[in-house]
Full PDB file with SEQRES, HELIX, SHEET, SSBOND, CRYST1, ORIGX, SCALE, CONECT and MASTER records, all heavy atoms in Angstrom:
SEQRES   1 A   36  TYR GLY PRO ASP PRO ASN ALA VAL TYR PRO ASN ASP ALA          
SEQRES   2 A   36  ILE LYS SER VAL CYS PHE ILE LYS ASN VAL ILE THR ARG          
SEQRES   3 A   36  PRO SER ILE LEU VAL GLY GLU TYR THR TYR                      
HELIX    1 AA1 ILE A   20  ASN A   22  5                                   3    
CRYST1    1.000    1.000    1.000  90.00  90.00  90.00 P 1           1          
ORIGX1      1.000000  0.000000  0.000000        0.00000                         
ORIGX2      0.000000  1.000000  0.000000        0.00000                         
ORIGX3      0.000000  0.000000  1.000000        0.00000                         
SCALE1      1.000000  0.000000  0.000000        0.00000                         
SCALE2      0.000000  1.000000  0.000000        0.00000                         
SCALE3      0.000000  0.000000  1.000000        0.00000                         
ATOM      1  N   TYR A   1      25.853  27.518 -88.394  1.00  0.00           N  
ATOM      2  CA  TYR A   1      25.915  28.958 -87.986  1.00  0.00           C  
ATOM      3  C   TYR A   1      27.372  29.416 -88.004  1.00  0.00           C  
ATOM      4  O   TYR A   1      27.819  29.853 -86.974  1.00  0.00           O  
ATOM      5  CB  TYR A   1      25.327  28.989 -86.526  1.00  0.00           C  
ATOM      6  CG  TYR A   1      23.861  28.661 -86.487  1.00  0.00           C  
ATOM      7  CD1 TYR A   1      23.424  27.357 -86.086  1.00  0.00           C  
ATOM      8  CD2 TYR A   1      22.930  29.575 -86.804  1.00  0.00           C  
ATOM      9  CE1 TYR A   1      22.111  27.074 -86.034  1.00  0.00           C  
ATOM     10  CE2 TYR A   1      21.508  29.311 -86.776  1.00  0.00           C  
ATOM     11  CZ  TYR A   1      21.117  28.066 -86.358  1.00  0.00           C  
ATOM     12  OH  TYR A   1      19.746  27.815 -86.301  1.00  0.00           O  
ATOM     13  N   GLY A   2      27.993  29.341 -89.149  1.00  0.00           N  
ATOM     14  CA  GLY A   2      29.322  29.770 -89.257  1.00  0.00           C  
ATOM     15  C   GLY A   2      30.238  28.502 -89.557  1.00  0.00           C  
ATOM     16  O   GLY A   2      29.805  27.404 -89.622  1.00  0.00           O  
ATOM     17  N   PRO A   3      31.542  28.813 -89.632  1.00  0.00           N  
ATOM     18  CA  PRO A   3      32.480  27.696 -89.908  1.00  0.00           C  
ATOM     19  C   PRO A   3      32.606  26.862 -88.671  1.00  0.00           C  
ATOM     20  O   PRO A   3      32.313  27.143 -87.559  1.00  0.00           O  
ATOM     21  CB  PRO A   3      33.820  28.418 -90.184  1.00  0.00           C  
ATOM     22  CG  PRO A   3      33.677  29.789 -89.395  1.00  0.00           C  
ATOM     23  CD  PRO A   3      32.186  30.125 -89.525  1.00  0.00           C  
ATOM     24  N   ASP A   4      33.146  25.585 -88.959  1.00  0.00           N  
ATOM     25  CA  ASP A   4      33.390  24.615 -87.852  1.00  0.00           C  
ATOM     26  C   ASP A   4      34.536  25.080 -86.982  1.00  0.00           C  
ATOM     27  O   ASP A   4      35.685  25.212 -87.500  1.00  0.00           O  
ATOM     28  CB  ASP A   4      33.600  23.314 -88.537  1.00  0.00           C  
ATOM     29  CG  ASP A   4      33.956  22.207 -87.477  1.00  0.00           C  
ATOM     30  OD1 ASP A   4      33.903  22.471 -86.238  1.00  0.00           O  
ATOM     31  OD2 ASP A   4      34.190  21.062 -87.832  1.00  0.00           O  
ATOM     32  N   PRO A   5      34.348  25.416 -85.701  1.00  0.00           N  
ATOM     33  CA  PRO A   5      35.424  25.870 -84.880  1.00  0.00           C  
ATOM     34  C   PRO A   5      36.507  24.785 -84.652  1.00  0.00           C  
ATOM     35  O   PRO A   5      37.627  25.200 -84.219  1.00  0.00           O  
ATOM     36  CB  PRO A   5      34.709  26.192 -83.565  1.00  0.00           C  
ATOM     37  CG  PRO A   5      33.431  25.400 -83.531  1.00  0.00           C  
ATOM     38  CD  PRO A   5      33.063  25.325 -84.974  1.00  0.00           C  
ATOM     39  N   ASN A   6      36.217  23.585 -85.062  1.00  0.00           N  
ATOM     40  CA  ASN A   6      37.209  22.486 -84.905  1.00  0.00           C  
ATOM     41  C   ASN A   6      38.019  22.195 -86.097  1.00  0.00           C  
ATOM     42  O   ASN A   6      38.811  21.309 -86.192  1.00  0.00           O  
ATOM     43  CB  ASN A   6      36.546  21.240 -84.356  1.00  0.00           C  
ATOM     44  CG  ASN A   6      35.939  21.454 -82.955  1.00  0.00           C  
ATOM     45  OD1 ASN A   6      36.649  21.978 -82.083  1.00  0.00           O  
ATOM     46  ND2 ASN A   6      34.707  21.077 -82.849  1.00  0.00           N  
ATOM     47  N   ALA A   7      37.701  22.961 -87.137  1.00  0.00           N  
ATOM     48  CA  ALA A   7      38.470  22.749 -88.457  1.00  0.00           C  
ATOM     49  C   ALA A   7      39.829  23.491 -88.372  1.00  0.00           C  
ATOM     50  O   ALA A   7      39.963  24.495 -87.797  1.00  0.00           O  
ATOM     51  CB  ALA A   7      37.633  23.263 -89.554  1.00  0.00           C  
ATOM     52  N   VAL A   8      40.794  22.907 -89.040  1.00  0.00           N  
ATOM     53  CA  VAL A   8      42.077  23.610 -89.166  1.00  0.00           C  
ATOM     54  C   VAL A   8      42.000  24.946 -90.033  1.00  0.00           C  
ATOM     55  O   VAL A   8      42.381  25.969 -89.711  1.00  0.00           O  
ATOM     56  CB  VAL A   8      43.175  22.719 -89.747  1.00  0.00           C  
ATOM     57  CG1 VAL A   8      44.442  23.524 -90.060  1.00  0.00           C  
ATOM     58  CG2 VAL A   8      43.436  21.574 -88.751  1.00  0.00           C  
ATOM     59  N   TYR A   9      41.261  24.742 -91.216  1.00  0.00           N  
ATOM     60  CA  TYR A   9      41.034  25.839 -92.133  1.00  0.00           C  
ATOM     61  C   TYR A   9      39.552  26.197 -92.135  1.00  0.00           C  
ATOM     62  O   TYR A   9      38.749  25.342 -92.571  1.00  0.00           O  
ATOM     63  CB  TYR A   9      41.582  25.431 -93.556  1.00  0.00           C  
ATOM     64  CG  TYR A   9      42.853  24.866 -93.666  1.00  0.00           C  
ATOM     65  CD1 TYR A   9      43.185  23.559 -93.908  1.00  0.00           C  
ATOM     66  CD2 TYR A   9      43.992  25.786 -93.568  1.00  0.00           C  
ATOM     67  CE1 TYR A   9      44.421  23.080 -94.006  1.00  0.00           C  
ATOM     68  CE2 TYR A   9      45.311  25.313 -93.609  1.00  0.00           C  
ATOM     69  CZ  TYR A   9      45.495  23.917 -93.868  1.00  0.00           C  
ATOM     70  OH  TYR A   9      46.734  23.406 -93.814  1.00  0.00           O  
ATOM     71  N   PRO A  10      39.195  27.273 -91.631  1.00  0.00           N  
ATOM     72  CA  PRO A  10      37.772  27.638 -91.675  1.00  0.00           C  
ATOM     73  C   PRO A  10      37.147  27.729 -93.090  1.00  0.00           C  
ATOM     74  O   PRO A  10      36.065  27.376 -93.250  1.00  0.00           O  
ATOM     75  CB  PRO A  10      37.720  29.071 -90.914  1.00  0.00           C  
ATOM     76  CG  PRO A  10      39.158  29.563 -91.098  1.00  0.00           C  
ATOM     77  CD  PRO A  10      39.988  28.393 -91.010  1.00  0.00           C  
ATOM     78  N   ASN A  11      38.021  28.118 -94.029  1.00  0.00           N  
ATOM     79  CA  ASN A  11      37.587  28.181 -95.450  1.00  0.00           C  
ATOM     80  C   ASN A  11      38.592  27.352 -96.124  1.00  0.00           C  
ATOM     81  O   ASN A  11      39.778  27.776 -96.346  1.00  0.00           O  
ATOM     82  CB  ASN A  11      37.561  29.606 -95.873  1.00  0.00           C  
ATOM     83  CG  ASN A  11      36.957  29.764 -97.215  1.00  0.00           C  
ATOM     84  OD1 ASN A  11      37.033  28.799 -98.099  1.00  0.00           O  
ATOM     85  ND2 ASN A  11      36.381  30.916 -97.610  1.00  0.00           N  
ATOM     86  N   ASP A  12      38.174  26.248 -96.781  1.00  0.00           N  
ATOM     87  CA  ASP A  12      39.124  25.351 -97.510  1.00  0.00           C  
ATOM     88  C   ASP A  12      39.704  26.035 -98.721  1.00  0.00           C  
ATOM     89  O   ASP A  12      40.764  25.599 -99.249  1.00  0.00           O  
ATOM     90  CB  ASP A  12      38.377  24.043 -97.941  1.00  0.00           C  
ATOM     91  CG  ASP A  12      38.191  23.131 -96.833  1.00  0.00           C  
ATOM     92  OD1 ASP A  12      39.066  23.154 -95.849  1.00  0.00           O  
ATOM     93  OD2 ASP A  12      37.288  22.281 -96.882  1.00  0.00           O  
ATOM     94  N   ALA A  13      39.113  27.093 -99.193  1.00  0.00           N  
ATOM     95  CA  ALA A  13      39.605  27.873-100.308  1.00  0.00           C  
ATOM     96  C   ALA A  13      40.853  28.789 -99.935  1.00  0.00           C  
ATOM     97  O   ALA A  13      41.458  29.377-100.751  1.00  0.00           O  
ATOM     98  CB  ALA A  13      38.591  28.596-101.046  1.00  0.00           C  
ATOM     99  N   ILE A  14      40.993  29.023 -98.576  1.00  0.00           N  
ATOM    100  CA  ILE A  14      41.981  29.937 -98.109  1.00  0.00           C  
ATOM    101  C   ILE A  14      42.965  29.223 -97.162  1.00  0.00           C  
ATOM    102  O   ILE A  14      42.654  29.308 -95.889  1.00  0.00           O  
ATOM    103  CB  ILE A  14      41.360  31.192 -97.478  1.00  0.00           C  
ATOM    104  CG1 ILE A  14      40.317  31.852 -98.402  1.00  0.00           C  
ATOM    105  CG2 ILE A  14      42.413  32.263 -97.137  1.00  0.00           C  
ATOM    106  CD1 ILE A  14      39.562  33.010 -97.746  1.00  0.00           C  
ATOM    107  N   LYS A  15      43.873  28.583 -97.704  1.00  0.00           N  
ATOM    108  CA  LYS A  15      44.822  27.824 -96.874  1.00  0.00           C  
ATOM    109  C   LYS A  15      45.885  28.588 -96.096  1.00  0.00           C  
ATOM    110  O   LYS A  15      46.689  28.070 -95.337  1.00  0.00           O  
ATOM    111  CB  LYS A  15      45.593  26.699 -97.715  1.00  0.00           C  
ATOM    112  CG  LYS A  15      44.646  25.744 -98.343  1.00  0.00           C  
ATOM    113  CD  LYS A  15      43.977  24.772 -97.393  1.00  0.00           C  
ATOM    114  CE  LYS A  15      43.246  23.664 -98.141  1.00  0.00           C  
ATOM    115  NZ  LYS A  15      42.527  22.773 -97.160  1.00  0.00           N  
ATOM    116  N   SER A  16      45.838  29.922 -96.288  1.00  0.00           N  
ATOM    117  CA  SER A  16      46.748  30.749 -95.515  1.00  0.00           C  
ATOM    118  C   SER A  16      46.215  31.125 -94.093  1.00  0.00           C  
ATOM    119  O   SER A  16      46.908  31.747 -93.327  1.00  0.00           O  
ATOM    120  CB  SER A  16      47.054  32.051 -96.271  1.00  0.00           C  
ATOM    121  OG  SER A  16      45.813  32.863 -96.456  1.00  0.00           O  
ATOM    122  N   VAL A  17      45.021  30.828 -93.913  1.00  0.00           N  
ATOM    123  CA  VAL A  17      44.352  31.067 -92.636  1.00  0.00           C  
ATOM    124  C   VAL A  17      43.928  29.864 -91.912  1.00  0.00           C  
ATOM    125  O   VAL A  17      43.292  28.937 -92.481  1.00  0.00           O  
ATOM    126  CB  VAL A  17      43.034  31.924 -92.954  1.00  0.00           C  
ATOM    127  CG1 VAL A  17      42.243  32.154 -91.569  1.00  0.00           C  
ATOM    128  CG2 VAL A  17      43.441  33.231 -93.493  1.00  0.00           C  
ATOM    129  N   CYS A  18      44.356  29.682 -90.614  1.00  0.00           N  
ATOM    130  CA  CYS A  18      43.925  28.528 -89.829  1.00  0.00           C  
ATOM    131  C   CYS A  18      43.470  28.958 -88.398  1.00  0.00           C  
ATOM    132  O   CYS A  18      43.887  30.013 -87.973  1.00  0.00           O  
ATOM    133  CB  CYS A  18      45.021  27.497 -89.746  1.00  0.00           C  
ATOM    134  SG  CYS A  18      46.301  27.875 -88.537  1.00  0.00           S  
ATOM    135  N   PHE A  19      42.597  28.135 -87.878  1.00  0.00           N  
ATOM    136  CA  PHE A  19      42.205  28.331 -86.540  1.00  0.00           C  
ATOM    137  C   PHE A  19      43.299  27.746 -85.640  1.00  0.00           C  
ATOM    138  O   PHE A  19      43.616  26.521 -85.648  1.00  0.00           O  
ATOM    139  CB  PHE A  19      40.948  27.593 -86.227  1.00  0.00           C  
ATOM    140  CG  PHE A  19      39.667  28.296 -86.767  1.00  0.00           C  
ATOM    141  CD1 PHE A  19      38.515  27.671 -86.994  1.00  0.00           C  
ATOM    142  CD2 PHE A  19      39.644  29.705 -86.939  1.00  0.00           C  
ATOM    143  CE1 PHE A  19      37.368  28.265 -87.467  1.00  0.00           C  
ATOM    144  CE2 PHE A  19      38.449  30.364 -87.371  1.00  0.00           C  
ATOM    145  CZ  PHE A  19      37.331  29.593 -87.672  1.00  0.00           C  
ATOM    146  N   ILE A  20      43.999  28.561 -84.838  1.00  0.00           N  
ATOM    147  CA  ILE A  20      45.129  28.220 -84.064  1.00  0.00           C  
ATOM    148  C   ILE A  20      44.849  27.104 -83.132  1.00  0.00           C  
ATOM    149  O   ILE A  20      45.711  26.269 -82.934  1.00  0.00           O  
ATOM    150  CB  ILE A  20      45.697  29.504 -83.321  1.00  0.00           C  
ATOM    151  CG1 ILE A  20      46.090  30.559 -84.306  1.00  0.00           C  
ATOM    152  CG2 ILE A  20      46.879  29.075 -82.519  1.00  0.00           C  
ATOM    153  CD1 ILE A  20      46.443  31.897 -83.627  1.00  0.00           C  
ATOM    154  N   LYS A  21      43.691  27.210 -82.465  1.00  0.00           N  
ATOM    155  CA  LYS A  21      43.424  26.180 -81.466  1.00  0.00           C  
ATOM    156  C   LYS A  21      43.567  24.743 -81.982  1.00  0.00           C  
ATOM    157  O   LYS A  21      43.972  23.861 -81.139  1.00  0.00           O  
ATOM    158  CB  LYS A  21      41.949  26.340 -81.025  1.00  0.00           C  
ATOM    159  CG  LYS A  21      41.471  25.272 -79.970  1.00  0.00           C  
ATOM    160  CD  LYS A  21      39.992  25.619 -79.578  1.00  0.00           C  
ATOM    161  CE  LYS A  21      39.002  25.204 -80.696  1.00  0.00           C  
ATOM    162  NZ  LYS A  21      38.862  23.762 -80.882  1.00  0.00           N  
ATOM    163  N   ASN A  22      43.347  24.574 -83.257  1.00  0.00           N  
ATOM    164  CA  ASN A  22      43.407  23.215 -83.837  1.00  0.00           C  
ATOM    165  C   ASN A  22      44.754  22.741 -84.327  1.00  0.00           C  
ATOM    166  O   ASN A  22      44.855  21.690 -84.895  1.00  0.00           O  
ATOM    167  CB  ASN A  22      42.357  23.119 -84.887  1.00  0.00           C  
ATOM    168  CG  ASN A  22      40.965  23.563 -84.412  1.00  0.00           C  
ATOM    169  OD1 ASN A  22      40.576  23.155 -83.275  1.00  0.00           O  
ATOM    170  ND2 ASN A  22      40.202  24.366 -85.206  1.00  0.00           N  
ATOM    171  N   VAL A  23      45.771  23.607 -84.200  1.00  0.00           N  
ATOM    172  CA  VAL A  23      47.161  23.163 -84.641  1.00  0.00           C  
ATOM    173  C   VAL A  23      48.140  23.255 -83.537  1.00  0.00           C  
ATOM    174  O   VAL A  23      49.251  22.793 -83.785  1.00  0.00           O  
ATOM    175  CB  VAL A  23      47.584  24.054 -85.833  1.00  0.00           C  
ATOM    176  CG1 VAL A  23      46.655  23.861 -87.106  1.00  0.00           C  
ATOM    177  CG2 VAL A  23      47.707  25.502 -85.446  1.00  0.00           C  
ATOM    178  N   ILE A  24      47.810  23.771 -82.376  1.00  0.00           N  
ATOM    179  CA  ILE A  24      48.818  23.800 -81.345  1.00  0.00           C  
ATOM    180  C   ILE A  24      48.901  22.490 -80.584  1.00  0.00           C  
ATOM    181  O   ILE A  24      47.979  21.721 -80.560  1.00  0.00           O  
ATOM    182  CB  ILE A  24      48.518  24.965 -80.284  1.00  0.00           C  
ATOM    183  CG1 ILE A  24      47.105  24.738 -79.660  1.00  0.00           C  
ATOM    184  CG2 ILE A  24      48.592  26.306 -80.932  1.00  0.00           C  
ATOM    185  CD1 ILE A  24      46.816  25.695 -78.543  1.00  0.00           C  
ATOM    186  N   THR A  25      50.164  22.194 -80.131  1.00  0.00           N  
ATOM    187  CA  THR A  25      50.395  20.909 -79.443  1.00  0.00           C  
ATOM    188  C   THR A  25      50.924  21.162 -77.983  1.00  0.00           C  
ATOM    189  O   THR A  25      50.816  20.306 -77.260  1.00  0.00           O  
ATOM    190  CB  THR A  25      51.495  20.182 -80.180  1.00  0.00           C  
ATOM    191  OG1 THR A  25      52.708  20.912 -80.214  1.00  0.00           O  
ATOM    192  CG2 THR A  25      51.076  19.854 -81.574  1.00  0.00           C  
ATOM    193  N   ARG A  26      51.329  22.395 -77.675  1.00  0.00           N  
ATOM    194  CA  ARG A  26      51.954  22.592 -76.363  1.00  0.00           C  
ATOM    195  C   ARG A  26      50.829  22.913 -75.339  1.00  0.00           C  
ATOM    196  O   ARG A  26      49.948  23.742 -75.587  1.00  0.00           O  
ATOM    197  CB  ARG A  26      52.832  23.849 -76.344  1.00  0.00           C  
ATOM    198  CG  ARG A  26      54.030  23.667 -77.267  1.00  0.00           C  
ATOM    199  CD  ARG A  26      54.990  24.923 -77.121  1.00  0.00           C  
ATOM    200  NE  ARG A  26      55.620  25.259 -78.305  1.00  0.00           N  
ATOM    201  CZ  ARG A  26      56.251  26.462 -78.532  1.00  0.00           C  
ATOM    202  NH1 ARG A  26      56.255  27.314 -77.619  1.00  0.00           N  
ATOM    203  NH2 ARG A  26      56.830  26.579 -79.715  1.00  0.00           N  
ATOM    204  N   PRO A  27      50.787  22.235 -74.247  1.00  0.00           N  
ATOM    205  CA  PRO A  27      49.725  22.537 -73.202  1.00  0.00           C  
ATOM    206  C   PRO A  27      49.925  23.877 -72.546  1.00  0.00           C  
ATOM    207  O   PRO A  27      48.942  24.457 -71.999  1.00  0.00           O  
ATOM    208  CB  PRO A  27      49.932  21.445 -72.147  1.00  0.00           C  
ATOM    209  CG  PRO A  27      51.303  20.923 -72.390  1.00  0.00           C  
ATOM    210  CD  PRO A  27      51.592  21.090 -73.798  1.00  0.00           C  
ATOM    211  N   SER A  28      51.070  24.572 -72.749  1.00  0.00           N  
ATOM    212  CA  SER A  28      51.236  25.913 -72.231  1.00  0.00           C  
ATOM    213  C   SER A  28      50.801  26.991 -73.173  1.00  0.00           C  
ATOM    214  O   SER A  28      51.000  28.182 -72.788  1.00  0.00           O  
ATOM    215  CB  SER A  28      52.762  26.007 -71.892  1.00  0.00           C  
ATOM    216  OG  SER A  28      53.600  25.723 -73.030  1.00  0.00           O  
ATOM    217  N   ILE A  29      50.158  26.651 -74.310  1.00  0.00           N  
ATOM    218  CA  ILE A  29      49.620  27.603 -75.168  1.00  0.00           C  
ATOM    219  C   ILE A  29      48.129  27.355 -75.197  1.00  0.00           C  
ATOM    220  O   ILE A  29      47.675  26.280 -75.624  1.00  0.00           O  
ATOM    221  CB  ILE A  29      50.184  27.637 -76.604  1.00  0.00           C  
ATOM    222  CG1 ILE A  29      51.765  27.780 -76.573  1.00  0.00           C  
ATOM    223  CG2 ILE A  29      49.513  28.616 -77.513  1.00  0.00           C  
ATOM    224  CD1 ILE A  29      52.320  27.709 -77.961  1.00  0.00           C  
ATOM    225  N   LEU A  30      47.368  28.337 -74.786  1.00  0.00           N  
ATOM    226  CA  LEU A  30      45.867  28.129 -74.731  1.00  0.00           C  
ATOM    227  C   LEU A  30      45.196  29.185 -75.599  1.00  0.00           C  
ATOM    228  O   LEU A  30      45.407  30.387 -75.482  1.00  0.00           O  
ATOM    229  CB  LEU A  30      45.373  28.363 -73.242  1.00  0.00           C  
ATOM    230  CG  LEU A  30      46.081  27.452 -72.170  1.00  0.00           C  
ATOM    231  CD1 LEU A  30      45.647  27.906 -70.746  1.00  0.00           C  
ATOM    232  CD2 LEU A  30      45.817  25.971 -72.371  1.00  0.00           C  
ATOM    233  N   VAL A  31      44.394  28.736 -76.539  1.00  0.00           N  
ATOM    234  CA  VAL A  31      43.786  29.639 -77.575  1.00  0.00           C  
ATOM    235  C   VAL A  31      42.314  29.307 -77.660  1.00  0.00           C  
ATOM    236  O   VAL A  31      41.876  28.211 -77.697  1.00  0.00           O  
ATOM    237  CB  VAL A  31      44.458  29.427 -78.956  1.00  0.00           C  
ATOM    238  CG1 VAL A  31      43.894  30.460 -79.949  1.00  0.00           C  
ATOM    239  CG2 VAL A  31      46.007  29.643 -78.836  1.00  0.00           C  
ATOM    240  N   GLY A  32      41.525  30.405 -77.708  1.00  0.00           N  
ATOM    241  CA  GLY A  32      40.076  30.253 -77.847  1.00  0.00           C  
ATOM    242  C   GLY A  32      39.600  29.944 -79.261  1.00  0.00           C  
ATOM    243  O   GLY A  32      40.330  30.125 -80.234  1.00  0.00           O  
ATOM    244  N   GLU A  33      38.382  29.590 -79.310  1.00  0.00           N  
ATOM    245  CA  GLU A  33      37.739  29.206 -80.589  1.00  0.00           C  
ATOM    246  C   GLU A  33      37.717  30.400 -81.519  1.00  0.00           C  
ATOM    247  O   GLU A  33      37.517  31.544 -81.161  1.00  0.00           O  
ATOM    248  CB  GLU A  33      36.333  28.726 -80.420  1.00  0.00           C  
ATOM    249  CG  GLU A  33      36.295  27.353 -79.767  1.00  0.00           C  
ATOM    250  CD  GLU A  33      34.944  26.737 -79.673  1.00  0.00           C  
ATOM    251  OE1 GLU A  33      33.938  27.482 -79.678  1.00  0.00           O  
ATOM    252  OE2 GLU A  33      34.784  25.458 -79.663  1.00  0.00           O  
ATOM    253  N   TYR A  34      37.847  30.115 -82.806  1.00  0.00           N  
ATOM    254  CA  TYR A  34      37.712  31.097 -83.894  1.00  0.00           C  
ATOM    255  C   TYR A  34      38.869  32.029 -84.099  1.00  0.00           C  
ATOM    256  O   TYR A  34      38.991  32.885 -84.973  1.00  0.00           O  
ATOM    257  CB  TYR A  34      36.418  31.842 -83.860  1.00  0.00           C  
ATOM    258  CG  TYR A  34      35.158  31.040 -83.884  1.00  0.00           C  
ATOM    259  CD1 TYR A  34      34.487  30.792 -82.723  1.00  0.00           C  
ATOM    260  CD2 TYR A  34      34.679  30.422 -85.027  1.00  0.00           C  
ATOM    261  CE1 TYR A  34      33.289  30.070 -82.723  1.00  0.00           C  
ATOM    262  CE2 TYR A  34      33.583  29.582 -84.989  1.00  0.00           C  
ATOM    263  CZ  TYR A  34      32.886  29.373 -83.838  1.00  0.00           C  
ATOM    264  OH  TYR A  34      31.760  28.620 -83.798  1.00  0.00           O  
ATOM    265  N   THR A  35      39.805  32.001 -83.186  1.00  0.00           N  
ATOM    266  CA  THR A  35      41.065  32.844 -83.275  1.00  0.00           C  
ATOM    267  C   THR A  35      41.947  32.229 -84.444  1.00  0.00           C  
ATOM    268  O   THR A  35      42.164  31.118 -84.435  1.00  0.00           O  
ATOM    269  CB  THR A  35      41.787  32.922 -81.958  1.00  0.00           C  
ATOM    270  OG1 THR A  35      41.090  33.775 -81.104  1.00  0.00           O  
ATOM    271  CG2 THR A  35      43.223  33.418 -82.102  1.00  0.00           C  
ATOM    272  N   TYR A  36      42.362  33.122 -85.369  1.00  0.00           N  
ATOM    273  CA  TYR A  36      43.039  32.604 -86.502  1.00  0.00           C  
ATOM    274  C   TYR A  36      44.418  33.364 -86.689  1.00  0.00           C  
ATOM    275  O   TYR A  36      44.622  34.441 -86.146  1.00  0.00           O  
ATOM    276  CB  TYR A  36      42.275  32.761 -87.772  1.00  0.00           C  
ATOM    277  CG  TYR A  36      42.122  34.210 -88.307  1.00  0.00           C  
ATOM    278  CD1 TYR A  36      43.098  34.776 -89.089  1.00  0.00           C  
ATOM    279  CD2 TYR A  36      40.940  34.947 -88.120  1.00  0.00           C  
ATOM    280  CE1 TYR A  36      42.974  36.065 -89.566  1.00  0.00           C  
ATOM    281  CE2 TYR A  36      40.796  36.247 -88.584  1.00  0.00           C  
ATOM    282  CZ  TYR A  36      41.855  36.779 -89.363  1.00  0.00           C  
ATOM    283  OH  TYR A  36      41.708  38.010 -89.907  1.00  0.00           O  
TER     284      TYR A  36                                                      
MASTER        0    0    0    1    0    0    0    6  283    1    0    3          
END                                                                             
């Protein structure tokens, strides 16, 4: 039902777009699913 919200790249063919939630490391940055 859409891309995997836990993937870094929602579309492997478009590496310029990433889901932010899956690349942040700081606990002081909180990002919801599907935000890119």
